[in-house]
N, C-alpha and C. Protein backbone atom coordinates (compact mmCIF):
# COMPACT_ATOMS: atom_id res chain seq x y z
N UNK A 1 15.82 -21.96 2.09
CA UNK A 1 16.15 -20.64 2.59
C UNK A 1 14.88 -19.79 2.67
N UNK A 2 14.80 -18.97 3.67
CA UNK A 2 13.64 -18.09 3.86
C UNK A 2 13.65 -16.96 2.86
N UNK A 3 12.45 -16.44 2.59
CA UNK A 3 12.30 -15.28 1.70
C UNK A 3 13.02 -14.09 2.30
N UNK A 4 13.42 -13.16 1.45
CA UNK A 4 14.05 -11.92 1.92
C UNK A 4 13.49 -10.76 1.11
N UNK A 5 13.61 -9.58 1.64
CA UNK A 5 13.17 -8.40 0.90
C UNK A 5 14.19 -8.10 -0.19
N UNK A 6 13.71 -7.49 -1.28
CA UNK A 6 14.59 -7.18 -2.41
C UNK A 6 14.86 -5.69 -2.53
N UNK A 7 14.22 -4.89 -1.71
CA UNK A 7 14.50 -3.46 -1.75
C UNK A 7 13.44 -2.67 -1.00
N UNK A 8 13.77 -1.43 -0.76
CA UNK A 8 12.83 -0.52 -0.13
C UNK A 8 11.76 -0.16 -1.14
N UNK A 9 10.53 -0.21 -0.73
CA UNK A 9 9.42 0.18 -1.60
C UNK A 9 9.07 1.63 -1.42
N UNK A 10 8.65 1.97 -0.20
CA UNK A 10 8.30 3.36 0.10
C UNK A 10 8.29 3.58 1.60
N UNK A 11 8.27 4.86 1.95
CA UNK A 11 8.13 5.26 3.35
C UNK A 11 6.85 6.08 3.42
N UNK A 12 6.04 5.74 4.38
CA UNK A 12 4.83 6.50 4.63
C UNK A 12 4.99 7.26 5.93
N UNK A 13 4.55 8.50 5.92
CA UNK A 13 4.59 9.23 7.18
C UNK A 13 3.38 10.13 7.33
N UNK A 14 3.03 10.35 8.58
CA UNK A 14 1.89 11.17 8.91
C UNK A 14 2.24 12.64 8.75
N UNK A 15 1.30 13.40 8.20
CA UNK A 15 1.50 14.83 8.01
C UNK A 15 0.36 15.60 8.65
N UNK A 16 0.66 16.82 9.01
CA UNK A 16 -0.34 17.69 9.62
C UNK A 16 -1.07 18.51 8.56
N UNK A 17 -0.33 19.06 7.59
CA UNK A 17 -0.90 19.93 6.56
C UNK A 17 -0.66 19.26 5.20
N UNK A 18 -1.63 18.48 4.76
CA UNK A 18 -1.47 17.70 3.53
C UNK A 18 -1.22 18.59 2.32
N UNK A 19 -1.90 19.72 2.22
CA UNK A 19 -1.71 20.61 1.06
C UNK A 19 -0.29 21.17 1.01
N UNK A 20 0.22 21.59 2.14
CA UNK A 20 1.58 22.10 2.22
C UNK A 20 2.58 21.03 1.80
N UNK A 21 2.40 19.82 2.32
CA UNK A 21 3.33 18.74 2.01
C UNK A 21 3.20 18.27 0.56
N UNK A 22 1.99 18.29 0.02
CA UNK A 22 1.82 17.94 -1.40
C UNK A 22 2.55 18.96 -2.27
N UNK A 23 2.43 20.23 -1.94
CA UNK A 23 3.12 21.27 -2.69
C UNK A 23 4.64 21.07 -2.60
N UNK A 24 5.14 20.73 -1.42
CA UNK A 24 6.57 20.52 -1.23
C UNK A 24 7.08 19.39 -2.13
N UNK A 25 6.42 18.22 -2.08
CA UNK A 25 6.91 17.09 -2.86
C UNK A 25 6.70 17.27 -4.36
N UNK A 26 5.63 17.95 -4.75
CA UNK A 26 5.39 18.17 -6.18
C UNK A 26 6.26 19.29 -6.74
N UNK A 27 6.26 20.43 -6.08
CA UNK A 27 6.89 21.61 -6.67
C UNK A 27 8.33 21.86 -6.22
N UNK A 28 8.65 21.55 -4.99
CA UNK A 28 10.03 21.75 -4.54
C UNK A 28 10.89 20.53 -4.89
N UNK A 29 10.39 19.33 -4.57
CA UNK A 29 11.16 18.12 -4.83
C UNK A 29 11.03 17.64 -6.27
N UNK A 30 9.97 18.07 -6.97
CA UNK A 30 9.79 17.71 -8.38
C UNK A 30 9.26 16.31 -8.60
N UNK A 31 8.58 15.75 -7.61
CA UNK A 31 8.02 14.41 -7.75
C UNK A 31 6.63 14.49 -8.38
N UNK A 32 6.15 13.37 -8.88
CA UNK A 32 4.85 13.28 -9.54
C UNK A 32 3.82 12.73 -8.57
N UNK A 33 2.71 13.45 -8.43
CA UNK A 33 1.57 12.95 -7.64
C UNK A 33 0.98 11.77 -8.39
N UNK A 34 0.94 10.60 -7.75
CA UNK A 34 0.43 9.41 -8.43
C UNK A 34 -0.91 8.94 -7.89
N UNK A 35 -1.11 9.04 -6.60
CA UNK A 35 -2.36 8.58 -5.99
C UNK A 35 -2.80 9.62 -4.97
N UNK A 36 -4.10 9.90 -4.95
CA UNK A 36 -4.62 10.86 -3.99
C UNK A 36 -6.03 10.44 -3.59
N UNK A 37 -6.35 10.63 -2.33
CA UNK A 37 -7.67 10.27 -1.82
C UNK A 37 -7.78 10.69 -0.38
N UNK A 38 -8.82 10.23 0.29
CA UNK A 38 -9.05 10.62 1.68
C UNK A 38 -7.91 10.24 2.62
N UNK A 39 -7.21 9.16 2.30
CA UNK A 39 -6.09 8.71 3.13
C UNK A 39 -4.94 9.71 3.09
N UNK A 40 -4.66 10.26 1.90
CA UNK A 40 -3.53 11.17 1.74
C UNK A 40 -3.10 11.23 0.29
N UNK A 41 -1.78 11.34 0.07
CA UNK A 41 -1.25 11.49 -1.28
C UNK A 41 0.04 10.71 -1.42
N UNK A 42 0.25 10.10 -2.60
CA UNK A 42 1.44 9.31 -2.88
C UNK A 42 2.21 9.97 -4.00
N UNK A 43 3.55 9.94 -3.90
CA UNK A 43 4.42 10.59 -4.88
C UNK A 43 5.50 9.62 -5.36
N UNK A 44 5.89 9.81 -6.63
CA UNK A 44 6.97 9.01 -7.20
C UNK A 44 7.91 9.91 -7.99
N UNK A 45 9.19 9.59 -7.92
CA UNK A 45 10.18 10.28 -8.76
C UNK A 45 10.11 9.73 -10.18
N UNK A 46 9.66 8.48 -10.35
CA UNK A 46 9.58 7.83 -11.65
C UNK A 46 8.41 6.85 -11.65
N UNK A 47 7.19 7.35 -11.96
CA UNK A 47 6.01 6.48 -11.90
C UNK A 47 6.06 5.24 -12.79
N UNK A 48 6.87 5.29 -13.86
CA UNK A 48 7.00 4.11 -14.72
C UNK A 48 7.73 2.99 -13.98
N UNK A 49 8.67 3.33 -13.13
CA UNK A 49 9.46 2.34 -12.41
C UNK A 49 8.82 1.93 -11.09
N UNK A 50 8.18 2.90 -10.41
CA UNK A 50 7.64 2.65 -9.07
C UNK A 50 6.47 3.59 -8.83
N UNK A 51 5.31 3.06 -8.48
CA UNK A 51 4.15 3.94 -8.39
C UNK A 51 4.18 4.91 -7.22
N UNK A 52 4.99 4.64 -6.20
CA UNK A 52 5.23 5.65 -5.17
C UNK A 52 6.39 5.25 -4.28
N UNK A 53 7.14 6.28 -3.88
CA UNK A 53 8.23 6.10 -2.92
C UNK A 53 7.93 6.83 -1.62
N UNK A 54 7.02 7.81 -1.69
CA UNK A 54 6.62 8.59 -0.53
C UNK A 54 5.10 8.52 -0.40
N UNK A 55 4.62 8.20 0.80
CA UNK A 55 3.19 8.21 1.09
C UNK A 55 2.95 9.22 2.20
N UNK A 56 2.19 10.27 1.89
CA UNK A 56 1.82 11.28 2.88
C UNK A 56 0.45 10.90 3.41
N UNK A 57 0.35 10.65 4.70
CA UNK A 57 -0.89 10.16 5.29
C UNK A 57 -1.42 11.20 6.28
N UNK A 58 -2.68 11.57 6.13
CA UNK A 58 -3.30 12.51 7.07
C UNK A 58 -3.26 11.91 8.48
N UNK A 59 -3.05 12.77 9.50
CA UNK A 59 -3.18 12.25 10.85
C UNK A 59 -2.16 12.72 11.87
N UNK A 60 -1.24 13.57 11.52
CA UNK A 60 -0.29 14.09 12.52
C UNK A 60 -0.94 15.28 13.21
N UNK A 61 -1.12 15.18 14.52
CA UNK A 61 -1.84 16.20 15.26
C UNK A 61 -1.07 17.51 15.41
N UNK A 62 0.25 17.42 15.60
CA UNK A 62 1.06 18.62 15.75
C UNK A 62 2.47 18.31 15.27
N UNK A 63 3.25 19.34 15.07
CA UNK A 63 4.63 19.13 14.64
C UNK A 63 5.48 18.51 15.74
N UNK A 64 5.02 18.60 16.99
CA UNK A 64 5.74 17.98 18.10
C UNK A 64 5.31 16.53 18.31
N UNK A 65 4.29 16.09 17.59
CA UNK A 65 3.77 14.73 17.71
C UNK A 65 4.87 13.74 17.30
N UNK A 66 5.28 12.84 18.19
CA UNK A 66 6.35 11.91 17.84
C UNK A 66 5.90 10.82 16.86
N UNK A 67 4.60 10.70 16.63
CA UNK A 67 4.07 9.67 15.74
C UNK A 67 4.06 10.21 14.31
N UNK A 68 5.20 10.06 13.64
CA UNK A 68 5.24 10.57 12.27
C UNK A 68 5.49 9.48 11.23
N UNK A 69 6.09 8.36 11.62
CA UNK A 69 6.26 7.26 10.66
C UNK A 69 4.96 6.48 10.58
N UNK A 70 4.40 6.41 9.40
CA UNK A 70 3.19 5.64 9.17
C UNK A 70 3.53 4.19 8.85
N UNK A 71 4.58 3.98 8.03
CA UNK A 71 5.05 2.62 7.74
C UNK A 71 6.35 2.67 6.96
N UNK A 72 7.09 1.59 7.05
CA UNK A 72 8.23 1.35 6.18
C UNK A 72 7.87 0.12 5.37
N UNK A 73 8.01 0.23 4.06
CA UNK A 73 7.52 -0.80 3.16
C UNK A 73 8.64 -1.34 2.29
N UNK A 74 8.70 -2.68 2.18
CA UNK A 74 9.76 -3.33 1.41
C UNK A 74 9.19 -4.38 0.47
N UNK A 75 9.79 -4.47 -0.72
CA UNK A 75 9.36 -5.41 -1.77
C UNK A 75 9.88 -6.82 -1.50
N UNK A 76 9.09 -7.78 -1.97
CA UNK A 76 9.55 -9.17 -2.06
C UNK A 76 9.39 -9.61 -3.52
N UNK A 77 10.09 -10.66 -3.88
CA UNK A 77 10.18 -11.10 -5.27
C UNK A 77 8.94 -11.84 -5.78
N UNK A 78 8.27 -12.58 -4.89
CA UNK A 78 7.19 -13.46 -5.38
C UNK A 78 6.06 -13.58 -4.36
N UNK A 79 4.94 -14.11 -4.84
CA UNK A 79 3.81 -14.40 -3.96
C UNK A 79 4.22 -15.43 -2.91
N UNK A 80 5.00 -16.41 -3.30
CA UNK A 80 5.48 -17.40 -2.32
C UNK A 80 6.35 -16.76 -1.25
N UNK A 81 7.16 -15.76 -1.64
CA UNK A 81 7.95 -15.04 -0.64
C UNK A 81 7.04 -14.32 0.35
N UNK A 82 5.96 -13.74 -0.16
CA UNK A 82 5.00 -13.06 0.72
C UNK A 82 4.39 -14.06 1.69
N UNK A 83 4.03 -15.21 1.18
CA UNK A 83 3.48 -16.27 2.04
C UNK A 83 4.50 -16.69 3.11
N UNK A 84 5.77 -16.79 2.72
CA UNK A 84 6.81 -17.17 3.67
C UNK A 84 6.93 -16.12 4.77
N UNK A 85 6.88 -14.86 4.39
CA UNK A 85 6.93 -13.81 5.41
C UNK A 85 5.73 -13.93 6.35
N UNK A 86 4.54 -14.15 5.82
CA UNK A 86 3.36 -14.30 6.67
C UNK A 86 3.58 -15.45 7.67
N UNK A 87 4.04 -16.57 7.17
CA UNK A 87 4.28 -17.73 8.04
C UNK A 87 5.26 -17.38 9.16
N UNK A 88 6.37 -16.72 8.79
CA UNK A 88 7.40 -16.39 9.79
C UNK A 88 6.93 -15.31 10.75
N UNK A 89 6.12 -14.37 10.28
CA UNK A 89 5.54 -13.34 11.17
C UNK A 89 4.72 -14.02 12.25
N UNK A 90 3.88 -14.95 11.83
CA UNK A 90 3.04 -15.66 12.80
C UNK A 90 3.87 -16.54 13.73
N UNK A 91 4.87 -17.24 13.18
CA UNK A 91 5.74 -18.08 14.02
C UNK A 91 6.46 -17.27 15.09
N UNK A 92 6.91 -16.08 14.74
CA UNK A 92 7.63 -15.22 15.69
C UNK A 92 6.69 -14.54 16.68
N UNK A 93 5.40 -14.58 16.40
CA UNK A 93 4.44 -13.92 17.28
C UNK A 93 4.34 -12.42 17.07
N UNK A 94 4.82 -11.94 15.92
CA UNK A 94 4.67 -10.52 15.60
C UNK A 94 3.19 -10.25 15.29
N UNK A 95 2.78 -9.03 15.54
CA UNK A 95 1.39 -8.66 15.29
C UNK A 95 1.16 -8.53 13.78
N UNK A 96 0.26 -9.33 13.24
CA UNK A 96 -0.14 -9.24 11.83
C UNK A 96 -1.37 -8.35 11.77
N UNK A 97 -1.24 -7.19 11.14
CA UNK A 97 -2.34 -6.23 11.10
C UNK A 97 -3.35 -6.55 10.01
N UNK A 98 -2.87 -6.82 8.78
CA UNK A 98 -3.78 -7.11 7.69
C UNK A 98 -2.97 -7.52 6.47
N UNK A 99 -3.65 -8.21 5.55
CA UNK A 99 -3.10 -8.53 4.23
C UNK A 99 -4.16 -8.07 3.23
N UNK A 100 -3.75 -7.20 2.31
CA UNK A 100 -4.71 -6.60 1.39
C UNK A 100 -4.18 -6.54 -0.04
N UNK A 101 -5.14 -6.53 -0.96
CA UNK A 101 -4.82 -6.28 -2.36
C UNK A 101 -4.93 -4.78 -2.63
N UNK A 102 -3.86 -4.23 -3.18
CA UNK A 102 -3.87 -2.84 -3.64
C UNK A 102 -4.08 -2.81 -5.15
N UNK A 103 -4.44 -3.93 -5.74
CA UNK A 103 -4.55 -4.16 -7.18
C UNK A 103 -3.16 -4.23 -7.80
N UNK A 104 -2.32 -3.24 -7.59
CA UNK A 104 -0.96 -3.25 -8.13
C UNK A 104 -0.01 -4.10 -7.29
N UNK A 105 -0.39 -4.37 -6.07
CA UNK A 105 0.46 -5.14 -5.15
C UNK A 105 -0.43 -5.81 -4.10
N UNK A 106 0.14 -6.80 -3.44
CA UNK A 106 -0.48 -7.37 -2.25
C UNK A 106 0.44 -7.00 -1.10
N UNK A 107 -0.13 -6.35 -0.09
CA UNK A 107 0.65 -5.90 1.05
C UNK A 107 0.32 -6.68 2.30
N UNK A 108 1.36 -7.08 3.01
CA UNK A 108 1.24 -7.76 4.30
C UNK A 108 1.76 -6.80 5.36
N UNK A 109 0.87 -6.30 6.19
CA UNK A 109 1.19 -5.29 7.19
C UNK A 109 1.31 -5.93 8.56
N UNK A 110 2.43 -5.63 9.23
CA UNK A 110 2.67 -6.21 10.55
C UNK A 110 3.51 -5.24 11.38
N UNK A 111 3.79 -5.63 12.62
CA UNK A 111 4.60 -4.82 13.53
C UNK A 111 5.92 -5.52 13.78
N UNK A 112 7.00 -4.75 13.69
CA UNK A 112 8.32 -5.32 14.01
C UNK A 112 8.43 -5.51 15.52
N UNK A 113 9.55 -6.04 16.03
CA UNK A 113 9.66 -6.31 17.47
C UNK A 113 9.47 -5.10 18.37
N UNK A 114 9.67 -3.87 17.85
CA UNK A 114 9.44 -2.67 18.65
C UNK A 114 8.14 -1.97 18.29
N UNK A 115 7.24 -2.69 17.61
CA UNK A 115 5.90 -2.23 17.27
C UNK A 115 5.87 -1.17 16.16
N UNK A 116 6.92 -1.09 15.34
CA UNK A 116 6.93 -0.17 14.22
C UNK A 116 6.12 -0.77 13.07
N UNK A 117 5.23 0.03 12.45
CA UNK A 117 4.45 -0.47 11.32
C UNK A 117 5.36 -0.80 10.13
N UNK A 118 5.20 -2.02 9.62
CA UNK A 118 6.06 -2.53 8.55
C UNK A 118 5.17 -3.21 7.51
N UNK A 119 5.55 -3.09 6.25
CA UNK A 119 4.85 -3.79 5.18
C UNK A 119 5.86 -4.51 4.32
N UNK A 120 5.55 -5.75 3.94
CA UNK A 120 6.23 -6.42 2.85
C UNK A 120 5.18 -6.59 1.77
N UNK A 121 5.58 -6.33 0.51
CA UNK A 121 4.60 -6.39 -0.56
C UNK A 121 5.18 -7.05 -1.80
N UNK A 122 4.27 -7.60 -2.60
CA UNK A 122 4.61 -8.22 -3.88
C UNK A 122 3.83 -7.52 -4.97
N UNK A 123 4.53 -7.13 -6.04
CA UNK A 123 3.90 -6.47 -7.18
C UNK A 123 3.16 -7.50 -8.03
N UNK A 124 1.89 -7.22 -8.34
CA UNK A 124 1.03 -8.18 -9.05
C UNK A 124 1.16 -8.12 -10.57
N UNK A 125 1.73 -7.05 -11.08
CA UNK A 125 1.82 -6.88 -12.53
C UNK A 125 0.75 -5.96 -13.09
N UNK A 126 -0.18 -5.53 -12.25
CA UNK A 126 -1.21 -4.57 -12.66
C UNK A 126 -0.80 -3.18 -12.21
N UNK A 127 -1.09 -2.18 -13.02
CA UNK A 127 -0.84 -0.80 -12.63
C UNK A 127 -2.14 -0.22 -12.09
N UNK A 128 -2.08 0.36 -10.91
CA UNK A 128 -3.27 0.96 -10.31
C UNK A 128 -2.90 2.28 -9.65
N UNK A 129 -3.70 3.29 -9.90
CA UNK A 129 -3.46 4.61 -9.32
C UNK A 129 -4.48 4.91 -8.22
N UNK A 130 -5.22 3.93 -7.79
CA UNK A 130 -6.23 4.11 -6.74
C UNK A 130 -5.64 3.77 -5.38
N UNK A 131 -6.13 4.45 -4.36
CA UNK A 131 -5.81 4.06 -2.98
C UNK A 131 -6.84 3.00 -2.61
N UNK A 132 -6.40 1.77 -2.57
CA UNK A 132 -7.30 0.65 -2.33
C UNK A 132 -6.59 -0.39 -1.48
N UNK A 133 -7.32 -1.00 -0.58
CA UNK A 133 -6.80 -2.07 0.26
C UNK A 133 -7.91 -3.04 0.58
N UNK A 134 -8.07 -4.06 -0.24
CA UNK A 134 -9.14 -5.04 -0.08
C UNK A 134 -8.57 -6.30 0.55
N UNK A 135 -9.14 -6.76 1.66
CA UNK A 135 -8.63 -7.97 2.31
C UNK A 135 -8.51 -9.13 1.31
N UNK A 136 -7.43 -9.89 1.44
CA UNK A 136 -7.18 -11.02 0.54
C UNK A 136 -6.55 -12.16 1.32
N UNK A 137 -6.92 -13.38 0.96
CA UNK A 137 -6.38 -14.59 1.57
C UNK A 137 -5.28 -15.11 0.67
N UNK A 138 -4.02 -14.95 1.08
CA UNK A 138 -2.91 -15.40 0.23
C UNK A 138 -2.59 -16.89 0.43
N UNK A 139 -3.32 -17.55 1.31
CA UNK A 139 -3.11 -18.98 1.52
C UNK A 139 -3.90 -19.84 0.54
N UNK A 140 -4.76 -19.21 -0.24
CA UNK A 140 -5.49 -19.97 -1.26
C UNK A 140 -4.58 -20.19 -2.48
N UNK A 141 -4.96 -21.08 -3.40
CA UNK A 141 -4.12 -21.33 -4.58
C UNK A 141 -3.84 -20.05 -5.38
N UNK A 142 -2.70 -20.03 -6.06
CA UNK A 142 -2.28 -18.86 -6.84
C UNK A 142 -3.39 -18.35 -7.75
N UNK A 143 -4.10 -19.26 -8.43
CA UNK A 143 -5.15 -18.85 -9.37
C UNK A 143 -6.25 -18.07 -8.65
N UNK A 144 -6.60 -18.50 -7.44
CA UNK A 144 -7.65 -17.82 -6.68
C UNK A 144 -7.16 -16.47 -6.17
N UNK A 145 -5.90 -16.41 -5.74
CA UNK A 145 -5.33 -15.13 -5.30
C UNK A 145 -5.37 -14.15 -6.47
N UNK A 146 -4.91 -14.61 -7.64
CA UNK A 146 -4.87 -13.71 -8.80
C UNK A 146 -6.27 -13.33 -9.27
N UNK A 147 -7.26 -14.21 -9.11
CA UNK A 147 -8.64 -13.86 -9.44
C UNK A 147 -9.13 -12.75 -8.52
N UNK A 148 -8.78 -12.82 -7.22
CA UNK A 148 -9.14 -11.75 -6.28
C UNK A 148 -8.45 -10.44 -6.65
N UNK A 149 -7.16 -10.53 -7.02
CA UNK A 149 -6.42 -9.34 -7.43
C UNK A 149 -7.08 -8.73 -8.66
N UNK A 150 -7.46 -9.57 -9.61
CA UNK A 150 -8.09 -9.07 -10.84
C UNK A 150 -9.41 -8.37 -10.54
N UNK A 151 -10.19 -8.90 -9.59
CA UNK A 151 -11.45 -8.23 -9.20
C UNK A 151 -11.16 -6.84 -8.63
N UNK A 152 -10.12 -6.72 -7.80
CA UNK A 152 -9.81 -5.39 -7.26
C UNK A 152 -9.29 -4.47 -8.36
N UNK A 153 -8.46 -5.01 -9.27
CA UNK A 153 -7.96 -4.20 -10.37
C UNK A 153 -9.10 -3.71 -11.27
N UNK A 154 -10.02 -4.59 -11.59
CA UNK A 154 -11.15 -4.19 -12.45
C UNK A 154 -11.99 -3.10 -11.81
N UNK A 155 -12.07 -3.09 -10.49
CA UNK A 155 -12.86 -2.07 -9.79
C UNK A 155 -12.19 -0.70 -9.85
N UNK A 156 -10.86 -0.66 -9.98
CA UNK A 156 -10.13 0.62 -9.86
C UNK A 156 -9.35 1.01 -11.11
N UNK A 157 -9.42 0.22 -12.15
CA UNK A 157 -8.56 0.44 -13.32
C UNK A 157 -8.80 1.77 -14.03
N UNK A 158 -9.95 2.40 -13.81
CA UNK A 158 -10.24 3.66 -14.48
C UNK A 158 -9.73 4.89 -13.72
N UNK A 159 -9.18 4.69 -12.52
CA UNK A 159 -8.65 5.82 -11.76
C UNK A 159 -7.37 6.30 -12.44
N UNK A 160 -7.32 7.59 -12.75
CA UNK A 160 -6.15 8.16 -13.43
C UNK A 160 -5.11 8.60 -12.41
N UNK A 161 -3.86 8.58 -12.85
CA UNK A 161 -2.75 8.98 -11.99
C UNK A 161 -3.00 10.37 -11.41
N UNK A 162 -2.85 10.49 -10.10
CA UNK A 162 -2.97 11.77 -9.43
C UNK A 162 -4.38 12.27 -9.23
N UNK A 163 -5.38 11.44 -9.55
CA UNK A 163 -6.78 11.84 -9.41
C UNK A 163 -7.47 10.96 -8.36
N UNK A 164 -8.41 11.54 -7.63
CA UNK A 164 -9.15 10.71 -6.67
C UNK A 164 -10.11 9.77 -7.40
N UNK A 165 -10.46 8.70 -6.74
CA UNK A 165 -11.43 7.76 -7.30
C UNK A 165 -12.81 8.39 -7.35
N UNK A 166 -13.59 8.02 -8.34
CA UNK A 166 -14.96 8.51 -8.46
C UNK A 166 -15.81 7.90 -7.35
N UNK A 167 -16.95 8.51 -7.03
CA UNK A 167 -17.85 7.91 -6.03
C UNK A 167 -18.25 6.47 -6.39
N UNK A 168 -18.40 6.19 -7.68
CA UNK A 168 -18.76 4.83 -8.10
C UNK A 168 -17.63 3.85 -7.80
N UNK A 169 -16.40 4.28 -8.03
CA UNK A 169 -15.26 3.41 -7.74
C UNK A 169 -15.12 3.20 -6.24
N UNK A 170 -15.31 4.25 -5.46
CA UNK A 170 -15.24 4.13 -4.01
C UNK A 170 -16.29 3.13 -3.52
N UNK A 171 -17.48 3.17 -4.08
CA UNK A 171 -18.54 2.23 -3.71
C UNK A 171 -18.16 0.80 -4.11
N UNK A 172 -17.57 0.63 -5.29
CA UNK A 172 -17.14 -0.70 -5.74
C UNK A 172 -16.07 -1.26 -4.79
N UNK A 173 -15.15 -0.41 -4.34
CA UNK A 173 -14.12 -0.83 -3.39
C UNK A 173 -14.77 -1.26 -2.08
N UNK A 174 -15.74 -0.47 -1.61
CA UNK A 174 -16.46 -0.82 -0.36
C UNK A 174 -17.13 -2.18 -0.48
N UNK A 175 -17.77 -2.41 -1.61
CA UNK A 175 -18.48 -3.68 -1.81
C UNK A 175 -17.51 -4.86 -1.84
N UNK A 176 -16.39 -4.70 -2.53
CA UNK A 176 -15.38 -5.77 -2.57
C UNK A 176 -14.80 -6.03 -1.18
N UNK A 177 -14.54 -4.96 -0.45
CA UNK A 177 -14.00 -5.11 0.91
C UNK A 177 -14.98 -5.85 1.81
N UNK A 178 -16.25 -5.49 1.73
CA UNK A 178 -17.27 -6.14 2.56
C UNK A 178 -17.42 -7.61 2.19
N UNK A 179 -17.35 -7.93 0.90
CA UNK A 179 -17.48 -9.32 0.44
C UNK A 179 -16.26 -10.15 0.83
N UNK A 180 -15.11 -9.51 1.04
CA UNK A 180 -13.87 -10.22 1.36
C UNK A 180 -13.74 -10.56 2.83
N UNK A 181 -14.56 -9.97 3.65
CA UNK A 181 -14.40 -10.19 5.09
C UNK A 181 -15.09 -11.43 5.56
């Protein structure tokens, strides 16, 4: 049987005024800011259970801009399930955008049949509060995949919840990304 998603992970959407939207989700909705950086801001209702359910991404040009969904993201149970999704994405001819380590998860980003940005991800067991996406080859043996995940986790493990990464961490992420290509 083919792999299946086990639940909704998060919804990402483009925002025009990041400060306004951060205030809304933090102070009106009562969510916790978990990750913040140049990309945008991530919020969770329960950071212990899920590091984010909402991703606010900079880039909406106007309120009339129809491009507001950044991605819909869904969890899978295992690394093998993620591999199965990759195989089926390629078999179906869907556009595979990238596969990256977020340290806390490995995300496989692709386009559904109507070109909507979609992610399936597997949680690695590491907690990370950094906005990071380092290319990773999930077709290598499990031990090598996890060694790559550990390298990304070690680079970002000092980032505190709701705080941007230090310039040194940003540089470490850049170096890992360049070495992975």
